């Protein structure tokens, strides 16, 4: 079984919605790294001209490759990434090898067989 790593950079207010949507789309778990900093194409400022730092969460999902694109698109919708600049981004990366995932393989084998 092959896996992909989905890395999502999400506004902290939308993290729970993204986690719920990803689980419903087939993700079996996630790791959340809180209080990351981020900025988009344009830097957000206040009316005093000071930089307003927006807190982001980094959410890591290790998912089965056949489910990865669907989960990625679901994360995009739940986080409203394409609605407005600076809402967040998500990427997927191939995982060459992984250990400690035997319990996920058992669960995902049944799900992936149904998808194929």
PDB file of N, CA and C in Angstrom:
ATOM      1  N   UNK A   1       0.848  -1.169   0.000  1.00  0.00           N
ATOM      2  CA  UNK A   1       0.000   0.000   0.000  1.00  0.00           C
ATOM      3  C   UNK A   1       0.895   1.234   0.000  1.00  0.00           C
ATOM      4  N   UNK A   2       0.521   2.209  -0.839  1.00  0.00           N
ATOM      5  CA  UNK A   2       1.304   3.436  -0.959  1.00  0.00           C
ATOM      6  C   UNK A   2       0.549   4.587  -0.314  1.00  0.00           C
ATOM      7  N   UNK A   3       1.329   5.522   0.239  1.00  0.00           N
ATOM      8  CA  UNK A   3       0.742   6.646   0.963  1.00  0.00           C
ATOM      9  C   UNK A   3       1.223   7.980   0.388  1.00  0.00           C
ATOM     10  N   UNK A   4       0.431   9.004   0.647  1.00  0.00           N
ATOM     11  CA  UNK A   4       0.786  10.396   0.346  1.00  0.00           C
ATOM     12  C   UNK A   4       0.712  11.168   1.656  1.00  0.00           C
ATOM     13  N   UNK A   5       1.524  12.208   1.756  1.00  0.00           N
ATOM     14  CA  UNK A   5       1.460  13.118   2.887  1.00  0.00           C
ATOM     15  C   UNK A   5       0.785  14.386   2.402  1.00  0.00           C
ATOM     16  N   UNK A   6      -0.329  14.725   3.028  1.00  0.00           N
ATOM     17  CA  UNK A   6      -0.998  15.990   2.741  1.00  0.00           C
ATOM     18  C   UNK A   6      -0.629  16.942   3.863  1.00  0.00           C
ATOM     19  N   UNK A   7      -0.093  18.097   3.477  1.00  0.00           N
ATOM     20  CA  UNK A   7       0.276  19.142   4.430  1.00  0.00           C
ATOM     21  C   UNK A   7      -0.650  20.321   4.164  1.00  0.00           C
ATOM     22  N   UNK A   8      -1.429  20.692   5.165  1.00  0.00           N
ATOM     23  CA  UNK A   8      -2.366  21.809   5.023  1.00  0.00           C
ATOM     24  C   UNK A   8      -1.972  22.922   5.985  1.00  0.00           C
ATOM     25  N   UNK A   9      -1.902  24.128   5.457  1.00  0.00           N
ATOM     26  CA  UNK A   9      -1.645  25.320   6.259  1.00  0.00           C
ATOM     27  C   UNK A   9      -2.977  26.057   6.337  1.00  0.00           C
ATOM     28  N   UNK A  10      -3.568  26.076   7.525  1.00  0.00           N
ATOM     29  CA  UNK A  10      -4.957  26.483   7.694  1.00  0.00           C
ATOM     30  C   UNK A  10      -5.058  27.565   8.763  1.00  0.00           C
ATOM     31  N   UNK A  11      -5.952  28.531   8.555  1.00  0.00           N
ATOM     32  CA  UNK A  11      -6.225  29.493   9.621  1.00  0.00           C
ATOM     33  C   UNK A  11      -6.753  28.721  10.823  1.00  0.00           C
ATOM     34  N   UNK A  12      -6.275  29.061  12.013  1.00  0.00           N
ATOM     35  CA  UNK A  12      -6.609  28.276  13.194  1.00  0.00           C
ATOM     36  C   UNK A  12      -8.118  28.187  13.444  1.00  0.00           C
ATOM     37  N   UNK A  13      -8.879  29.169  13.025  1.00  0.00           N
ATOM     38  CA  UNK A  13     -10.328  29.143  13.220  1.00  0.00           C
ATOM     39  C   UNK A  13     -11.001  28.082  12.352  1.00  0.00           C
ATOM     40  N   UNK A  14     -10.331  27.631  11.300  1.00  0.00           N
ATOM     41  CA  UNK A  14     -10.920  26.657  10.383  1.00  0.00           C
ATOM     42  C   UNK A  14     -10.344  25.247  10.538  1.00  0.00           C
ATOM     43  N   UNK A  15      -9.445  25.069  11.478  1.00  0.00           N
ATOM     44  CA  UNK A  15      -8.786  23.767  11.637  1.00  0.00           C
ATOM     45  C   UNK A  15      -9.766  22.644  11.935  1.00  0.00           C
ATOM     46  N   UNK A  16     -10.699  22.878  12.838  1.00  0.00           N
ATOM     47  CA  UNK A  16     -11.662  21.822  13.185  1.00  0.00           C
ATOM     48  C   UNK A  16     -12.523  21.430  11.990  1.00  0.00           C
ATOM     49  N   UNK A  17     -12.946  22.405  11.203  1.00  0.00           N
ATOM     50  CA  UNK A  17     -13.753  22.109  10.010  1.00  0.00           C
ATOM     51  C   UNK A  17     -12.948  21.294   9.002  1.00  0.00           C
ATOM     52  N   UNK A  18     -11.672  21.634   8.835  1.00  0.00           N
ATOM     53  CA  UNK A  18     -10.811  20.904   7.906  1.00  0.00           C
ATOM     54  C   UNK A  18     -10.576  19.475   8.393  1.00  0.00           C
ATOM     55  N   UNK A  19     -10.324  19.317   9.682  1.00  0.00           N
ATOM     56  CA  UNK A  19     -10.109  17.974  10.244  1.00  0.00           C
ATOM     57  C   UNK A  19     -11.352  17.100  10.076  1.00  0.00           C
ATOM     58  N   UNK A  20     -12.512  17.644  10.354  1.00  0.00           N
ATOM     59  CA  UNK A  20     -13.765  16.895  10.234  1.00  0.00           C
ATOM     60  C   UNK A  20     -14.015  16.500   8.779  1.00  0.00           C
ATOM     61  N   UNK A  21     -13.834  17.444   7.876  1.00  0.00           N
ATOM     62  CA  UNK A  21     -14.065  17.168   6.459  1.00  0.00           C
ATOM     63  C   UNK A  21     -13.087  16.117   5.929  1.00  0.00           C
ATOM     64  N   UNK A  22     -11.829  16.196   6.334  1.00  0.00           N
ATOM     65  CA  UNK A  22     -10.829  15.226   5.878  1.00  0.00           C
ATOM     66  C   UNK A  22     -11.162  13.826   6.381  1.00  0.00           C
ATOM     67  N   UNK A  23     -11.594  13.729   7.619  1.00  0.00           N
ATOM     68  CA  UNK A  23     -11.968  12.413   8.167  1.00  0.00           C
ATOM     69  C   UNK A  23     -13.155  11.839   7.396  1.00  0.00           C
ATOM     70  N   UNK A  24     -14.148  12.686   7.104  1.00  0.00           N
ATOM     71  CA  UNK A  24     -15.310  12.221   6.349  1.00  0.00           C
ATOM     72  C   UNK A  24     -14.933  11.809   4.922  1.00  0.00           C
ATOM     73  N   UNK A  25     -13.864  12.393   4.377  1.00  0.00           N
ATOM     74  CA  UNK A  25     -13.404  12.069   3.026  1.00  0.00           C
ATOM     75  C   UNK A  25     -12.494  10.840   2.990  1.00  0.00           C
ATOM     76  N   UNK A  26     -12.119  10.305   4.168  1.00  0.00           N
ATOM     77  CA  UNK A  26     -11.321   9.089   4.189  1.00  0.00           C
ATOM     78  C   UNK A  26     -10.020   9.143   4.951  1.00  0.00           C
ATOM     79  N   UNK A  27      -9.637  10.299   5.476  1.00  0.00           N
ATOM     80  CA  UNK A  27      -8.410  10.377   6.277  1.00  0.00           C
ATOM     81  C   UNK A  27      -8.625   9.615   7.579  1.00  0.00           C
ATOM     82  N   UNK A  28      -7.612   8.882   8.003  1.00  0.00           N
ATOM     83  CA  UNK A  28      -7.740   8.067   9.217  1.00  0.00           C
ATOM     84  C   UNK A  28      -7.147   8.735  10.445  1.00  0.00           C
ATOM     85  N   UNK A  29      -6.568   9.918  10.285  1.00  0.00           N
ATOM     86  CA  UNK A  29      -5.997  10.629  11.419  1.00  0.00           C
ATOM     87  C   UNK A  29      -5.189  11.819  10.934  1.00  0.00           C
ATOM     88  N   UNK A  30      -4.689  12.589  11.870  1.00  0.00           N
ATOM     89  CA  UNK A  30      -3.922  13.782  11.514  1.00  0.00           C
ATOM     90  C   UNK A  30      -3.045  14.195  12.681  1.00  0.00           C
ATOM     91  N   UNK A  31      -2.032  14.979  12.372  1.00  0.00           N
ATOM     92  CA  UNK A  31      -1.200  15.624  13.372  1.00  0.00           C
ATOM     93  C   UNK A  31      -1.323  17.124  13.164  1.00  0.00           C
ATOM     94  N   UNK A  32      -1.629  17.849  14.243  1.00  0.00           N
ATOM     95  CA  UNK A  32      -1.821  19.294  14.150  1.00  0.00           C
ATOM     96  C   UNK A  32      -0.673  19.992  14.872  1.00  0.00           C
ATOM     97  N   UNK A  33      -0.049  20.920  14.186  1.00  0.00           N
ATOM     98  CA  UNK A  33       0.994  21.767  14.766  1.00  0.00           C
ATOM     99  C   UNK A  33       0.391  23.161  14.880  1.00  0.00           C
ATOM    100  N   UNK A  34       0.219  23.620  16.103  1.00  0.00           N
ATOM    101  CA  UNK A  34      -0.449  24.886  16.361  1.00  0.00           C
ATOM    102  C   UNK A  34       0.502  26.073  16.285  1.00  0.00           C
ATOM    103  N   UNK A  35      -0.095  27.242  16.095  1.00  0.00           N
ATOM    104  CA  UNK A  35       0.575  28.545  16.197  1.00  0.00           C
ATOM    105  C   UNK A  35       1.740  28.744  15.233  1.00  0.00           C
ATOM    106  N   UNK A  36       1.543  28.340  14.000  1.00  0.00           N
ATOM    107  CA  UNK A  36       2.521  28.664  12.964  1.00  0.00           C
ATOM    108  C   UNK A  36       2.182  30.050  12.430  1.00  0.00           C
ATOM    109  N   UNK A  37       3.163  30.728  11.901  1.00  0.00           N
ATOM    110  CA  UNK A  37       2.928  32.037  11.307  1.00  0.00           C
ATOM    111  C   UNK A  37       2.903  31.902   9.806  1.00  0.00           C
ATOM    112  N   UNK A  38       2.133  32.729   9.155  1.00  0.00           N
ATOM    113  CA  UNK A  38       2.112  32.691   7.707  1.00  0.00           C
ATOM    114  C   UNK A  38       1.572  33.980   7.129  1.00  0.00           C
ATOM    115  N   UNK A  39       1.930  34.209   5.890  1.00  0.00           N
ATOM    116  CA  UNK A  39       1.369  35.346   5.188  1.00  0.00           C
ATOM    117  C   UNK A  39       1.281  34.996   3.719  1.00  0.00           C
ATOM    118  N   UNK A  40       0.317  35.584   3.052  1.00  0.00           N
ATOM    119  CA  UNK A  40       0.082  35.310   1.645  1.00  0.00           C
ATOM    120  C   UNK A  40       0.824  36.276   0.748  1.00  0.00           C
ATOM    121  N   UNK A  41       0.284  36.467  -0.440  1.00  0.00           N
ATOM    122  CA  UNK A  41       0.894  37.340  -1.433  1.00  0.00           C
ATOM    123  C   UNK A  41       0.994  38.767  -0.910  1.00  0.00           C
ATOM    124  N   UNK A  42      -0.074  39.225  -0.274  1.00  0.00           N
ATOM    125  CA  UNK A  42      -0.053  40.568   0.305  1.00  0.00           C
ATOM    126  C   UNK A  42      -0.029  40.460   1.817  1.00  0.00           C
ATOM    127  N   UNK A  43       0.780  41.269   2.431  1.00  0.00           N
ATOM    128  CA  UNK A  43       0.913  41.265   3.878  1.00  0.00           C
ATOM    129  C   UNK A  43      -0.281  41.989   4.497  1.00  0.00           C
ATOM    130  N   UNK A  44      -0.933  41.374   5.494  1.00  0.00           N
ATOM    131  CA  UNK A  44      -2.065  42.000   6.159  1.00  0.00           C
ATOM    132  C   UNK A  44      -1.566  43.067   7.124  1.00  0.00           C
ATOM    133  N   UNK A  45      -2.252  44.202   7.129  1.00  0.00           N
ATOM    134  CA  UNK A  45      -1.861  45.290   8.025  1.00  0.00           C
ATOM    135  C   UNK A  45      -3.092  45.836   8.735  1.00  0.00           C
ATOM    136  N   UNK A  46      -2.859  46.526   9.833  1.00  0.00           N
ATOM    137  CA  UNK A  46      -3.938  47.206  10.549  1.00  0.00           C
ATOM    138  C   UNK A  46      -4.011  48.643  10.059  1.00  0.00           C
ATOM    139  N   UNK A  47      -4.938  49.401  10.562  1.00  0.00           N
ATOM    140  CA  UNK A  47      -5.061  50.800  10.132  1.00  0.00           C
ATOM    141  C   UNK A  47      -3.941  51.678  10.656  1.00  0.00           C
ATOM    142  N   UNK A  48      -3.149  51.165  11.597  1.00  0.00           N
ATOM    143  CA  UNK A  48      -1.982  51.906  12.073  1.00  0.00           C
ATOM    144  C   UNK A  48      -0.741  51.605  11.246  1.00  0.00           C
ATOM    145  N   UNK A  49      -0.871  50.726  10.262  1.00  0.00           N
ATOM    146  CA  UNK A  49       0.264  50.357   9.432  1.00  0.00           C
ATOM    147  C   UNK A  49       1.129  49.264  10.035  1.00  0.00           C
ATOM    148  N   UNK A  50       0.690  48.701  11.139  1.00  0.00           N
ATOM    149  CA  UNK A  50       1.429  47.620  11.786  1.00  0.00           C
ATOM    150  C   UNK A  50       1.056  46.283  11.153  1.00  0.00           C
ATOM    151  N   UNK A  51       1.991  45.369  11.165  1.00  0.00           N
ATOM    152  CA  UNK A  51       1.728  44.052  10.614  1.00  0.00           C
ATOM    153  C   UNK A  51       0.845  43.257  11.563  1.00  0.00           C
ATOM    154  N   UNK A  52      -0.198  42.669  11.010  1.00  0.00           N
ATOM    155  CA  UNK A  52      -1.099  41.818  11.774  1.00  0.00           C
ATOM    156  C   UNK A  52      -0.749  40.377  11.444  1.00  0.00           C
ATOM    157  N   UNK A  53      -0.213  39.665  12.407  1.00  0.00           N
ATOM    158  CA  UNK A  53       0.185  38.283  12.177  1.00  0.00           C
ATOM    159  C   UNK A  53      -0.999  37.367  12.403  1.00  0.00           C
ATOM    160  N   UNK A  54      -1.308  36.579  11.394  1.00  0.00           N
ATOM    161  CA  UNK A  54      -2.418  35.646  11.457  1.00  0.00           C
ATOM    162  C   UNK A  54      -1.875  34.277  11.851  1.00  0.00           C
ATOM    163  N   UNK A  55      -2.441  33.699  12.897  1.00  0.00           N
ATOM    164  CA  UNK A  55      -1.993  32.379  13.343  1.00  0.00           C
ATOM    165  C   UNK A  55      -2.536  31.298  12.414  1.00  0.00           C
ATOM    166  N   UNK A  56      -1.698  30.357  12.087  1.00  0.00           N
ATOM    167  CA  UNK A  56      -2.059  29.228  11.234  1.00  0.00           C
ATOM    168  C   UNK A  56      -1.789  27.946  11.996  1.00  0.00           C
ATOM    169  N   UNK A  57      -2.472  26.903  11.606  1.00  0.00           N
ATOM    170  CA  UNK A  57      -2.170  25.562  12.066  1.00  0.00           C
ATOM    171  C   UNK A  57      -1.629  24.798  10.860  1.00  0.00           C
ATOM    172  N   UNK A  58      -0.652  23.945  11.101  1.00  0.00           N
ATOM    173  CA  UNK A  58      -0.147  23.047  10.072  1.00  0.00           C
ATOM    174  C   UNK A  58      -0.712  21.674  10.411  1.00  0.00           C
ATOM    175  N   UNK A  59      -1.461  21.107   9.473  1.00  0.00           N
ATOM    176  CA  UNK A  59      -2.096  19.812   9.698  1.00  0.00           C
ATOM    177  C   UNK A  59      -1.485  18.808   8.735  1.00  0.00           C
ATOM    178  N   UNK A  60      -1.004  17.701   9.288  1.00  0.00           N
ATOM    179  CA  UNK A  60      -0.362  16.651   8.495  1.00  0.00           C
ATOM    180  C   UNK A  60      -1.283  15.431   8.436  1.00  0.00           C
ATOM    181  N   UNK A  61      -1.563  14.976   7.226  1.00  0.00           N
ATOM    182  CA  UNK A  61      -2.382  13.783   7.017  1.00  0.00           C
ATOM    183  C   UNK A  61      -1.571  12.779   6.216  1.00  0.00           C
ATOM    184  N   UNK A  62      -1.442  11.560   6.695  1.00  0.00           N
ATOM    185  CA  UNK A  62      -0.855  10.503   5.896  1.00  0.00           C
ATOM    186  C   UNK A  62      -2.020   9.667   5.386  1.00  0.00           C
ATOM    187  N   UNK A  63      -2.226   9.676   4.059  1.00  0.00           N
ATOM    188  CA  UNK A  63      -3.411   9.047   3.480  1.00  0.00           C
ATOM    189  C   UNK A  63      -3.020   8.068   2.388  1.00  0.00           C
ATOM    190  N   UNK A  64      -3.900   7.146   2.107  1.00  0.00           N
ATOM    191  CA  UNK A  64      -3.686   6.178   1.039  1.00  0.00           C
ATOM    192  C   UNK A  64      -3.754   6.921  -0.297  1.00  0.00           C
ATOM    193  N   UNK A  65      -2.878   6.569  -1.242  1.00  0.00           N
ATOM    194  CA  UNK A  65      -2.733   7.354  -2.463  1.00  0.00           C
ATOM    195  C   UNK A  65      -4.006   7.451  -3.301  1.00  0.00           C
ATOM    196  N   UNK A  66      -4.852   6.433  -3.298  1.00  0.00           N
ATOM    197  CA  UNK A  66      -6.074   6.479  -4.094  1.00  0.00           C
ATOM    198  C   UNK A  66      -7.114   7.447  -3.508  1.00  0.00           C
ATOM    199  N   UNK A  67      -6.988   7.769  -2.232  1.00  0.00           N
ATOM    200  CA  UNK A  67      -7.915   8.680  -1.571  1.00  0.00           C
ATOM    201  C   UNK A  67      -7.374  10.112  -1.503  1.00  0.00           C
ATOM    202  N   UNK A  68      -6.095  10.287  -1.810  1.00  0.00           N
ATOM    203  CA  UNK A  68      -5.400  11.556  -1.562  1.00  0.00           C
ATOM    204  C   UNK A  68      -6.019  12.747  -2.292  1.00  0.00           C
ATOM    205  N   UNK A  69      -6.303  12.616  -3.577  1.00  0.00           N
ATOM    206  CA  UNK A  69      -6.816  13.770  -4.334  1.00  0.00           C
ATOM    207  C   UNK A  69      -8.184  14.205  -3.817  1.00  0.00           C
ATOM    208  N   UNK A  70      -9.046  13.241  -3.518  1.00  0.00           N
ATOM    209  CA  UNK A  70     -10.372  13.561  -2.986  1.00  0.00           C
ATOM    210  C   UNK A  70     -10.255  14.270  -1.638  1.00  0.00           C
ATOM    211  N   UNK A  71      -9.378  13.791  -0.775  1.00  0.00           N
ATOM    212  CA  UNK A  71      -9.170  14.421   0.531  1.00  0.00           C
ATOM    213  C   UNK A  71      -8.604  15.829   0.351  1.00  0.00           C
ATOM    214  N   UNK A  72      -7.653  15.996  -0.557  1.00  0.00           N
ATOM    215  CA  UNK A  72      -7.059  17.304  -0.824  1.00  0.00           C
ATOM    216  C   UNK A  72      -8.123  18.312  -1.276  1.00  0.00           C
ATOM    217  N   UNK A  73      -8.991  17.906  -2.192  1.00  0.00           N
ATOM    218  CA  UNK A  73     -10.051  18.793  -2.666  1.00  0.00           C
ATOM    219  C   UNK A  73     -11.061  19.111  -1.559  1.00  0.00           C
ATOM    220  N   UNK A  74     -11.357  18.127  -0.709  1.00  0.00           N
ATOM    221  CA  UNK A  74     -12.274  18.337   0.405  1.00  0.00           C
ATOM    222  C   UNK A  74     -11.698  19.329   1.402  1.00  0.00           C
ATOM    223  N   UNK A  75     -10.399  19.219   1.677  1.00  0.00           N
ATOM    224  CA  UNK A  75      -9.723  20.165   2.573  1.00  0.00           C
ATOM    225  C   UNK A  75      -9.808  21.577   2.002  1.00  0.00           C
ATOM    226  N   UNK A  76      -9.600  21.714   0.701  1.00  0.00           N
ATOM    227  CA  UNK A  76      -9.668  23.018   0.043  1.00  0.00           C
ATOM    228  C   UNK A  76     -11.044  23.646   0.223  1.00  0.00           C
ATOM    229  N   UNK A  77     -12.089  22.864   0.047  1.00  0.00           N
ATOM    230  CA  UNK A  77     -13.454  23.377   0.214  1.00  0.00           C
ATOM    231  C   UNK A  77     -13.745  23.742   1.659  1.00  0.00           C
ATOM    232  N   UNK A  78     -13.394  22.867   2.594  1.00  0.00           N
ATOM    233  CA  UNK A  78     -13.686  23.116   4.005  1.00  0.00           C
ATOM    234  C   UNK A  78     -12.926  24.324   4.538  1.00  0.00           C
ATOM    235  N   UNK A  79     -11.702  24.526   4.065  1.00  0.00           N
ATOM    236  CA  UNK A  79     -10.898  25.650   4.516  1.00  0.00           C
ATOM    237  C   UNK A  79     -11.137  26.922   3.725  1.00  0.00           C
ATOM    238  N   UNK A  80     -11.966  26.820   2.681  1.00  0.00           N
ATOM    239  CA  UNK A  80     -12.282  27.959   1.811  1.00  0.00           C
ATOM    240  C   UNK A  80     -11.015  28.612   1.252  1.00  0.00           C
ATOM    241  N   UNK A  81     -10.069  27.775   0.826  1.00  0.00           N
ATOM    242  CA  UNK A  81      -8.783  28.267   0.355  1.00  0.00           C
ATOM    243  C   UNK A  81      -8.890  29.125  -0.897  1.00  0.00           C
ATOM    244  N   UNK A  82      -9.812  28.790  -1.796  1.00  0.00           N
ATOM    245  CA  UNK A  82      -9.923  29.518  -3.060  1.00  0.00           C
ATOM    246  C   UNK A  82     -10.897  30.693  -3.001  1.00  0.00           C
ATOM    247  N   UNK A  83     -11.529  30.924  -1.859  1.00  0.00           N
ATOM    248  CA  UNK A  83     -12.511  32.002  -1.735  1.00  0.00           C
ATOM    249  C   UNK A  83     -11.855  33.361  -1.566  1.00  0.00           C
ATOM    250  N   UNK A  84     -10.715  33.389  -0.886  1.00  0.00           N
ATOM    251  CA  UNK A  84     -10.064  34.659  -0.579  1.00  0.00           C
ATOM    252  C   UNK A  84      -8.577  34.384  -0.346  1.00  0.00           C
ATOM    253  N   UNK A  85      -7.741  35.319  -0.715  1.00  0.00           N
ATOM    254  CA  UNK A  85      -6.303  35.180  -0.525  1.00  0.00           C
ATOM    255  C   UNK A  85      -5.959  35.042   0.959  1.00  0.00           C
ATOM    256  N   UNK A  86      -5.007  34.180   1.267  1.00  0.00           N
ATOM    257  CA  UNK A  86      -4.514  34.035   2.629  1.00  0.00           C
ATOM    258  C   UNK A  86      -5.298  33.087   3.508  1.00  0.00           C
ATOM    259  N   UNK A  87      -6.269  32.353   2.945  1.00  0.00           N
ATOM    260  CA  UNK A  87      -7.070  31.434   3.751  1.00  0.00           C
ATOM    261  C   UNK A  87      -6.325  30.149   4.080  1.00  0.00           C
ATOM    262  N   UNK A  88      -5.413  29.757   3.223  1.00  0.00           N
ATOM    263  CA  UNK A  88      -4.637  28.553   3.473  1.00  0.00           C
ATOM    264  C   UNK A  88      -4.276  27.859   2.180  1.00  0.00           C
ATOM    265  N   UNK A  89      -3.408  26.870   2.289  1.00  0.00           N
ATOM    266  CA  UNK A  89      -3.027  26.042   1.146  1.00  0.00           C
ATOM    267  C   UNK A  89      -2.862  24.613   1.631  1.00  0.00           C
ATOM    268  N   UNK A  90      -2.890  23.689   0.694  1.00  0.00           N
ATOM    269  CA  UNK A  90      -2.622  22.287   1.008  1.00  0.00           C
ATOM    270  C   UNK A  90      -1.839  21.689  -0.152  1.00  0.00           C
ATOM    271  N   UNK A  91      -0.896  20.829   0.167  1.00  0.00           N
ATOM    272  CA  UNK A  91      -0.079  20.154  -0.842  1.00  0.00           C
ATOM    273  C   UNK A  91      -0.043  18.669  -0.515  1.00  0.00           C
ATOM    274  N   UNK A  92       0.299  17.867  -1.512  1.00  0.00           N
ATOM    275  CA  UNK A  92       0.510  16.447  -1.254  1.00  0.00           C
ATOM    276  C   UNK A  92       1.877  16.039  -1.758  1.00  0.00           C
ATOM    277  N   UNK A  93       2.504  15.149  -1.007  1.00  0.00           N
ATOM    278  CA  UNK A  93       3.860  14.692  -1.281  1.00  0.00           C
ATOM    279  C   UNK A  93       3.870  13.164  -1.216  1.00  0.00           C
ATOM    280  N   UNK A  94       4.604  12.533  -2.124  1.00  0.00           N
ATOM    281  CA  UNK A  94       4.750  11.075  -2.074  1.00  0.00           C
ATOM    282  C   UNK A  94       5.533  10.664  -0.837  1.00  0.00           C
ATOM    283  N   UNK A  95       5.103   9.596  -0.210  1.00  0.00           N
ATOM    284  CA  UNK A  95       5.844   9.013   0.904  1.00  0.00           C
ATOM    285  C   UNK A  95       6.554   7.774   0.372  1.00  0.00           C
ATOM    286  N   UNK A  96       7.869   7.770   0.507  1.00  0.00           N
ATOM    287  CA  UNK A  96       8.651   6.644   0.001  1.00  0.00           C
ATOM    288  C   UNK A  96       8.470   5.399   0.863  1.00  0.00           C
ATOM    289  N   UNK A  97       8.454   5.583   2.178  1.00  0.00           N
ATOM    290  CA  UNK A  97       8.359   4.444   3.092  1.00  0.00           C
ATOM    291  C   UNK A  97       7.797   4.938   4.413  1.00  0.00           C
ATOM    292  N   UNK A  98       7.149   4.046   5.147  1.00  0.00           N
ATOM    293  CA  UNK A  98       6.588   4.417   6.451  1.00  0.00           C
ATOM    294  C   UNK A  98       6.541   3.185   7.344  1.00  0.00           C
ATOM    295  N   UNK A  99       6.718   3.397   8.632  1.00  0.00           N
ATOM    296  CA  UNK A  99       6.577   2.335   9.618  1.00  0.00           C
ATOM    297  C   UNK A  99       5.543   2.769  10.657  1.00  0.00           C
ATOM    298  N   UNK A 100       5.004   1.822  11.376  1.00  0.00           N
ATOM    299  CA  UNK A 100       4.032   2.139  12.409  1.00  0.00           C
ATOM    300  C   UNK A 100       2.634   2.373  11.870  1.00  0.00           C
ATOM    301  N   UNK A 101       2.368   1.887  10.667  1.00  0.00           N
ATOM    302  CA  UNK A 101       1.067   2.132  10.045  1.00  0.00           C
ATOM    303  C   UNK A 101       0.264   0.846   9.805  1.00  0.00           C
ATOM    304  N   UNK A 102       0.631  -0.219  10.481  1.00  0.00           N
ATOM    305  CA  UNK A 102      -0.044  -1.498  10.260  1.00  0.00           C
ATOM    306  C   UNK A 102      -1.538  -1.410  10.542  1.00  0.00           C
ATOM    307  N   UNK A 103      -1.901  -0.676  11.587  1.00  0.00           N
ATOM    308  CA  UNK A 103      -3.319  -0.547  11.914  1.00  0.00           C
ATOM    309  C   UNK A 103      -4.075   0.241  10.841  1.00  0.00           C
ATOM    310  N   UNK A 104      -3.431   1.215  10.223  1.00  0.00           N
ATOM    311  CA  UNK A 104      -4.066   1.960   9.141  1.00  0.00           C
ATOM    312  C   UNK A 104      -4.218   1.098   7.898  1.00  0.00           C
ATOM    313  N   UNK A 105      -3.226   0.261   7.616  1.00  0.00           N
ATOM    314  CA  UNK A 105      -3.284  -0.602   6.437  1.00  0.00           C
ATOM    315  C   UNK A 105      -4.473  -1.540   6.533  1.00  0.00           C
ATOM    316  N   UNK A 106      -4.696  -2.102   7.717  1.00  0.00           N
ATOM    317  CA  UNK A 106      -5.843  -2.993   7.899  1.00  0.00           C
ATOM    318  C   UNK A 106      -7.150  -2.280   7.601  1.00  0.00           C
ATOM    319  N   UNK A 107      -7.308  -1.092   8.143  1.00  0.00           N
ATOM    320  CA  UNK A 107      -8.535  -0.322   7.951  1.00  0.00           C
ATOM    321  C   UNK A 107      -8.685   0.125   6.499  1.00  0.00           C
ATOM    322  N   UNK A 108      -7.604   0.614   5.916  1.00  0.00           N
ATOM    323  CA  UNK A 108      -7.670   1.175   4.571  1.00  0.00           C
ATOM    324  C   UNK A 108      -7.804   0.125   3.478  1.00  0.00           C
ATOM    325  N   UNK A 109      -7.335  -1.090   3.721  1.00  0.00           N
ATOM    326  CA  UNK A 109      -7.422  -2.144   2.712  1.00  0.00           C
ATOM    327  C   UNK A 109      -8.868  -2.345   2.279  1.00  0.00           C
ATOM    328  N   UNK A 110      -9.773  -2.392   3.232  1.00  0.00           N
ATOM    329  CA  UNK A 110     -11.191  -2.575   2.913  1.00  0.00           C
ATOM    330  C   UNK A 110     -11.746  -1.379   2.151  1.00  0.00           C
ATOM    331  N   UNK A 111     -11.376  -0.181   2.550  1.00  0.00           N
ATOM    332  CA  UNK A 111     -11.884   1.036   1.918  1.00  0.00           C
ATOM    333  C   UNK A 111     -11.369   1.151   0.494  1.00  0.00           C
ATOM    334  N   UNK A 112     -10.094   0.908   0.290  1.00  0.00           N
ATOM    335  CA  UNK A 112      -9.491   1.044  -1.043  1.00  0.00           C
ATOM    336  C   UNK A 112     -10.013  -0.022  -1.986  1.00  0.00           C
ATOM    337  N   UNK A 113     -10.223  -1.242  -1.517  1.00  0.00           N
ATOM    338  CA  UNK A 113     -10.785  -2.291  -2.359  1.00  0.00           C
ATOM    339  C   UNK A 113     -12.150  -1.877  -2.899  1.00  0.00           C
ATOM    340  N   UNK A 114     -12.947  -1.218  -2.066  1.00  0.00           N
ATOM    341  CA  UNK A 114     -14.263  -0.742  -2.507  1.00  0.00           C
ATOM    342  C   UNK A 114     -14.130   0.372  -3.536  1.00  0.00           C
ATOM    343  N   UNK A 115     -13.110   1.233  -3.384  1.00  0.00           N
ATOM    344  CA  UNK A 115     -12.898   2.335  -4.324  1.00  0.00           C
ATOM    345  C   UNK A 115     -12.449   1.837  -5.693  1.00  0.00           C
ATOM    346  N   UNK A 116     -11.631   0.771  -5.695  1.00  0.00           N
ATOM    347  CA  UNK A 116     -11.116   0.254  -6.957  1.00  0.00           C
ATOM    348  C   UNK A 116     -12.154  -0.631  -7.579  1.00  0.00           C
TER     349      UNK A 116
END
